[in-house]
Amino acid sequence: GGSGDLTVHSVITGDFGLTKVGSGTTTLNAINTYLGATSVNAGNLQVGTAGVGSTGPGQLTINGSGAILSGTGNVTASTTSVILGTLMPGDTGGSSIGTLRTQNLTFAPTSATTVAELQLTGSTNTADLAFDKITITGDLTLNSLSNLFINGSGYTANIGDTFTLIDWSGLLDSGSFSTGSNLRTGANSALNEGNLDLPDISSIGLWDITFGAGQFTLVVVVPEPSRALLLLLGLIALFTHRRRP
């Protein structure tokens, strides 16, 4: 497709592939059976809407500056490879919250880049807490250049909030990928985030990170007393500094 948006409701079938080009969004809303590869070289390929829709079974590759794979359907490709571009679950081109399902998923960028963006929104206080998720039936592979961005711009943190953002049924090959220091605020003041960019929850607690045993999970926890004291002193120092004439 070109710069415009296109929604395909009919089944795409046959012994050929699909290549997404142009800056627009193409949405696949049918259970497709085409046998060739799927390539996302530009723009946004949304797989499914409201959980319905799929690619064909051939390999899918995201390899283009600004290229995005989004949606809430099923990527039935045997392997999805992200080389250059971003995986963003959710409908409306990834701006809505949702779950995207894949088979084997490989993040293999050749330079440091954000390979997946996962949103947290709402609050437990207002009963509208929601989050993106990637569900993988197969293996998950990452390298040291694979950065994950957890977008919390619409999220209000509360102690006990729990998010399982990625799960996989197969093997994990994390290479030199790093989730950074555990039990951190997300403020990144100590440059301790590794390949994982978290929302700043320094006003309430710390992120407890689990990456393994088939899950990537975040939990908002209360700081230990010593950590809480240091956090409080830091906030007081910051407030005092801002109050000076």
Protein backbone atom coordinates (compact mmCIF):
# COMPACT_ATOMS: atom_id res chain seq x y z
CA GLY A 1 0.00 0.00 0.00
CA GLY A 2 0.98 3.64 -0.36
CA SER A 3 0.45 6.52 2.04
CA GLY A 4 -3.25 5.73 2.52
CA ASP A 5 -4.84 3.15 4.82
CA LEU A 6 -6.33 -0.12 3.59
CA THR A 7 -8.40 -2.80 5.35
CA VAL A 8 -8.53 -6.20 3.67
CA HIS A 9 -11.58 -8.25 4.70
CA SER A 10 -11.25 -10.97 2.04
CA VAL A 11 -9.08 -14.05 2.47
CA ILE A 12 -5.70 -13.79 0.73
CA THR A 13 -4.77 -17.19 -0.62
CA GLY A 14 -2.29 -18.65 -3.07
CA ASP A 15 1.39 -19.44 -3.50
CA PHE A 16 2.70 -15.89 -3.12
CA GLY A 17 3.76 -13.47 -0.41
CA LEU A 18 2.79 -10.07 0.92
CA THR A 19 5.04 -7.01 1.16
CA LYS A 20 3.98 -3.88 3.07
CA VAL A 21 5.41 -0.66 1.59
CA GLY A 22 4.36 2.98 1.88
CA SER A 23 3.61 4.97 5.02
CA GLY A 24 -0.04 3.96 5.48
CA THR A 25 -1.59 1.19 7.58
CA THR A 26 -2.77 -2.05 5.99
CA THR A 27 -5.06 -4.19 8.17
CA LEU A 28 -5.60 -7.91 7.62
CA ASN A 29 -9.03 -8.86 9.00
CA ALA A 30 -9.42 -12.33 7.45
CA ILE A 31 -7.89 -15.71 8.30
CA ASN A 32 -5.36 -15.67 5.48
CA THR A 33 -3.72 -18.72 3.94
CA TYR A 34 -1.22 -17.35 1.40
CA LEU A 35 1.95 -19.46 1.48
CA GLY A 36 4.72 -16.95 0.79
CA ALA A 37 6.67 -14.72 3.14
CA THR A 38 5.33 -11.51 4.69
CA SER A 39 7.63 -8.45 4.69
CA VAL A 40 6.98 -5.18 6.49
CA ASN A 41 9.36 -2.71 4.85
CA ALA A 42 7.51 0.54 5.63
CA GLY A 43 4.38 1.81 7.31
CA ASN A 44 2.19 -0.31 9.56
CA LEU A 45 0.88 -3.84 9.02
CA GLN A 46 -1.96 -4.47 11.45
CA VAL A 47 -2.75 -8.15 11.85
CA GLY A 48 -6.35 -8.52 12.94
CA THR A 49 -8.92 -6.34 14.64
CA ALA A 50 -10.65 -7.29 17.90
CA GLY A 51 -8.74 -10.57 17.91
CA VAL A 52 -9.75 -11.70 14.40
CA GLY A 53 -7.33 -11.86 11.46
CA SER A 54 -4.05 -13.52 10.56
CA THR A 55 -1.07 -13.62 8.25
CA GLY A 56 -0.18 -16.62 6.13
CA PRO A 57 2.17 -19.31 7.49
CA GLY A 58 5.31 -18.12 5.70
CA GLN A 59 8.07 -16.30 7.58
CA LEU A 60 7.40 -12.67 8.54
CA THR A 61 10.17 -10.08 8.61
CA ILE A 62 10.04 -6.47 9.83
CA ASN A 63 12.91 -4.63 8.19
CA GLY A 64 12.41 -0.97 7.46
CA SER A 65 12.93 2.36 9.20
CA GLY A 66 9.68 3.21 10.98
CA ALA A 67 8.07 -0.11 10.02
CA ILE A 68 5.49 -1.39 12.54
CA LEU A 69 3.72 -4.69 13.12
CA SER A 70 0.54 -4.18 15.17
CA GLY A 71 -2.86 -5.71 15.79
CA THR A 72 -4.66 -8.24 18.00
CA GLY A 73 -4.80 -11.17 15.60
CA ASN A 74 -2.55 -14.15 14.98
CA VAL A 75 0.79 -13.98 13.23
CA THR A 76 0.78 -17.57 11.99
CA ALA A 77 4.20 -17.20 10.35
CA SER A 78 6.50 -19.95 11.60
CA THR A 79 9.01 -17.27 12.61
CA THR A 80 8.61 -13.52 13.03
CA SER A 81 11.91 -11.63 12.79
CA VAL A 82 12.32 -8.00 13.81
CA ILE A 83 15.49 -6.58 12.23
CA LEU A 84 14.56 -2.91 11.84
CA GLY A 85 11.18 -1.70 13.04
CA THR A 86 8.88 -2.13 16.03
CA LEU A 87 6.31 -4.63 17.22
CA MET A 88 3.36 -2.80 18.83
CA PRO A 89 0.42 -4.96 19.97
CA GLY A 90 -3.04 -3.46 19.78
CA ASP A 91 -5.55 -2.26 17.21
CA THR A 92 -5.65 1.22 15.66
CA GLY A 93 -2.10 0.69 14.46
CA GLY A 94 -0.90 -0.23 17.94
CA SER A 95 -2.25 2.83 19.73
CA SER A 96 -4.97 0.78 21.44
CA ILE A 97 -4.28 -1.82 24.12
CA GLY A 98 -4.29 -5.45 23.01
CA THR A 99 -2.63 -8.85 22.69
CA LEU A 100 -0.78 -9.96 19.57
CA ARG A 101 -0.05 -13.67 19.10
CA THR A 102 2.95 -15.07 17.25
CA GLN A 103 4.81 -18.31 16.68
CA ASN A 104 8.61 -18.18 17.15
CA LEU A 105 9.67 -14.55 17.69
CA THR A 106 13.20 -13.30 17.03
CA PHE A 107 14.48 -9.80 17.76
CA ALA A 108 17.68 -9.45 15.74
CA PRO A 109 18.48 -5.77 15.09
CA THR A 110 21.96 -4.92 13.78
CA SER A 111 22.09 -1.64 15.72
CA ALA A 112 20.54 -0.59 19.03
CA THR A 113 16.84 0.12 18.49
CA THR A 114 13.40 -0.28 20.07
CA VAL A 115 12.11 -3.61 18.80
CA ALA A 116 8.88 -3.66 20.82
CA GLU A 117 6.69 -1.05 22.52
CA LEU A 118 4.23 -2.23 25.17
CA GLN A 119 1.70 0.13 26.75
CA LEU A 120 0.41 0.35 30.31
CA THR A 121 -2.70 2.46 30.86
CA GLY A 122 -5.22 3.35 33.55
CA SER A 123 -5.13 2.66 37.27
CA THR A 124 -6.38 0.08 39.75
CA ASN A 125 -7.98 3.01 41.61
CA THR A 126 -10.30 3.71 38.70
CA ALA A 127 -10.68 0.04 37.68
CA ASP A 128 -9.39 0.66 34.16
CA LEU A 129 -5.91 -0.83 34.38
CA ALA A 130 -4.91 -2.38 31.03
CA PHE A 131 -1.76 -3.41 29.22
CA ASP A 132 -0.38 -4.78 25.97
CA LYS A 133 0.85 -8.34 25.65
CA ILE A 134 2.75 -10.54 23.22
CA THR A 135 1.86 -14.24 23.43
CA ILE A 136 4.39 -16.52 21.74
CA THR A 137 3.68 -20.13 20.84
CA GLY A 138 7.31 -21.09 20.43
CA ASP A 139 10.74 -19.64 21.17
CA LEU A 140 11.79 -16.09 22.06
CA THR A 141 15.19 -14.83 20.88
CA LEU A 142 16.80 -11.45 21.62
CA ASN A 143 20.24 -9.87 21.34
CA SER A 144 22.12 -7.07 23.09
CA LEU A 145 20.76 -4.48 20.64
CA SER A 146 17.10 -5.33 21.29
CA ASN A 147 15.50 -2.58 23.37
CA LEU A 148 12.04 -2.92 24.91
CA PHE A 149 10.09 0.28 25.64
CA ILE A 150 7.35 0.08 28.27
CA ASN A 151 5.16 3.10 27.59
CA GLY A 152 3.45 4.25 30.77
CA SER A 153 2.40 7.73 29.64
CA GLY A 154 -1.25 6.91 30.44
CA TYR A 155 -0.59 4.83 33.56
CA THR A 156 -0.92 5.66 37.27
CA ALA A 157 1.06 3.21 39.41
CA ASN A 158 -0.19 1.47 42.55
CA ILE A 159 1.55 -1.02 44.80
CA GLY A 160 0.78 -4.57 43.68
CA ASP A 161 0.10 -3.76 40.02
CA THR A 162 1.20 -6.80 38.01
CA PHE A 163 1.78 -7.03 34.27
CA THR A 164 2.70 -10.12 32.27
CA LEU A 165 3.76 -8.41 29.05
CA ILE A 166 5.32 -11.31 27.16
CA ASP A 167 4.88 -15.03 27.56
CA TRP A 168 6.36 -17.87 25.53
CA SER A 169 5.87 -21.62 25.48
CA GLY A 170 9.25 -22.60 24.03
CA LEU A 171 12.89 -21.75 24.73
CA LEU A 172 14.41 -18.39 25.64
CA ASP A 173 17.66 -17.32 23.97
CA SER A 174 18.39 -13.93 25.49
CA GLY A 175 22.03 -13.70 24.39
CA SER A 176 23.50 -10.53 25.92
CA PHE A 177 20.09 -8.89 26.34
CA SER A 178 19.81 -7.27 29.78
CA THR A 179 16.78 -6.14 31.78
CA GLY A 180 19.10 -3.92 33.84
CA SER A 181 19.04 -3.59 37.61
CA ASN A 182 16.09 -5.16 39.38
CA LEU A 183 14.07 -3.21 41.98
CA ARG A 184 14.53 0.15 40.30
CA THR A 185 12.21 3.13 39.89
CA GLY A 186 12.45 3.49 36.14
CA ALA A 187 13.80 7.02 36.49
CA ASN A 188 17.08 5.84 34.95
CA SER A 189 19.04 8.30 37.09
CA ALA A 190 21.71 5.65 37.63
CA LEU A 191 21.80 4.61 33.94
CA ASN A 192 20.84 1.12 35.05
CA GLU A 193 18.10 0.19 32.59
CA GLY A 194 20.02 -2.15 30.28
CA ASN A 195 17.76 -2.92 27.30
CA LEU A 196 14.55 -2.26 29.23
CA ASP A 197 13.07 1.26 29.39
CA LEU A 198 10.51 1.41 32.22
CA PRO A 199 8.04 4.11 33.33
CA ASP A 200 9.21 6.30 36.22
CA ILE A 201 7.35 5.24 39.40
CA SER A 202 9.81 6.85 41.85
CA SER A 203 6.95 8.59 43.66
CA ILE A 204 5.45 5.30 44.85
CA GLY A 205 7.74 2.28 44.55
CA LEU A 206 10.01 0.04 42.54
CA TRP A 207 9.73 -2.34 39.62
CA ASP A 208 10.27 -6.01 40.40
CA ILE A 209 11.30 -7.59 37.08
CA THR A 210 10.99 -11.24 36.11
CA PHE A 211 12.35 -12.31 32.73
CA GLY A 212 12.49 -16.08 32.40
CA ALA A 213 10.55 -19.31 32.95
CA GLY A 214 8.29 -18.41 30.05
CA GLN A 215 7.30 -14.92 31.21
CA PHE A 216 8.31 -11.28 31.26
CA THR A 217 6.48 -9.81 34.24
CA LEU A 218 6.58 -6.48 36.06
CA VAL A 219 5.25 -5.91 39.59
CA VAL A 220 5.09 -2.60 41.46
CA VAL A 221 6.49 -3.22 44.95
CA VAL A 222 7.13 -1.22 48.13
CA PRO A 223 10.78 -0.22 48.57
CA GLU A 224 12.71 -1.90 51.37
CA PRO A 225 13.06 0.43 54.39
CA SER A 226 16.61 1.43 53.49
CA ARG A 227 15.65 2.05 49.88
CA ALA A 228 12.55 3.96 50.94
CA LEU A 229 14.63 6.22 53.18
CA LEU A 230 17.09 6.99 50.40
CA LEU A 231 14.19 7.64 48.04
CA LEU A 232 12.56 10.01 50.54
CA LEU A 233 15.83 11.89 51.14
CA GLY A 234 16.28 12.23 47.40
CA LEU A 235 12.78 13.66 46.96
CA ILE A 236 13.31 16.07 49.86
CA ALA A 237 16.62 17.24 48.37
CA LEU A 238 14.96 17.73 44.99
CA PHE A 239 12.07 19.68 46.54
CA THR A 240 14.45 21.86 48.59
CA HIS A 241 16.54 22.59 45.53
CA ARG A 242 13.48 23.66 43.56
CA ARG A 243 12.28 25.93 46.38
CA ARG A 244 15.49 27.97 46.50
CA PRO A 245 15.11 31.50 45.13
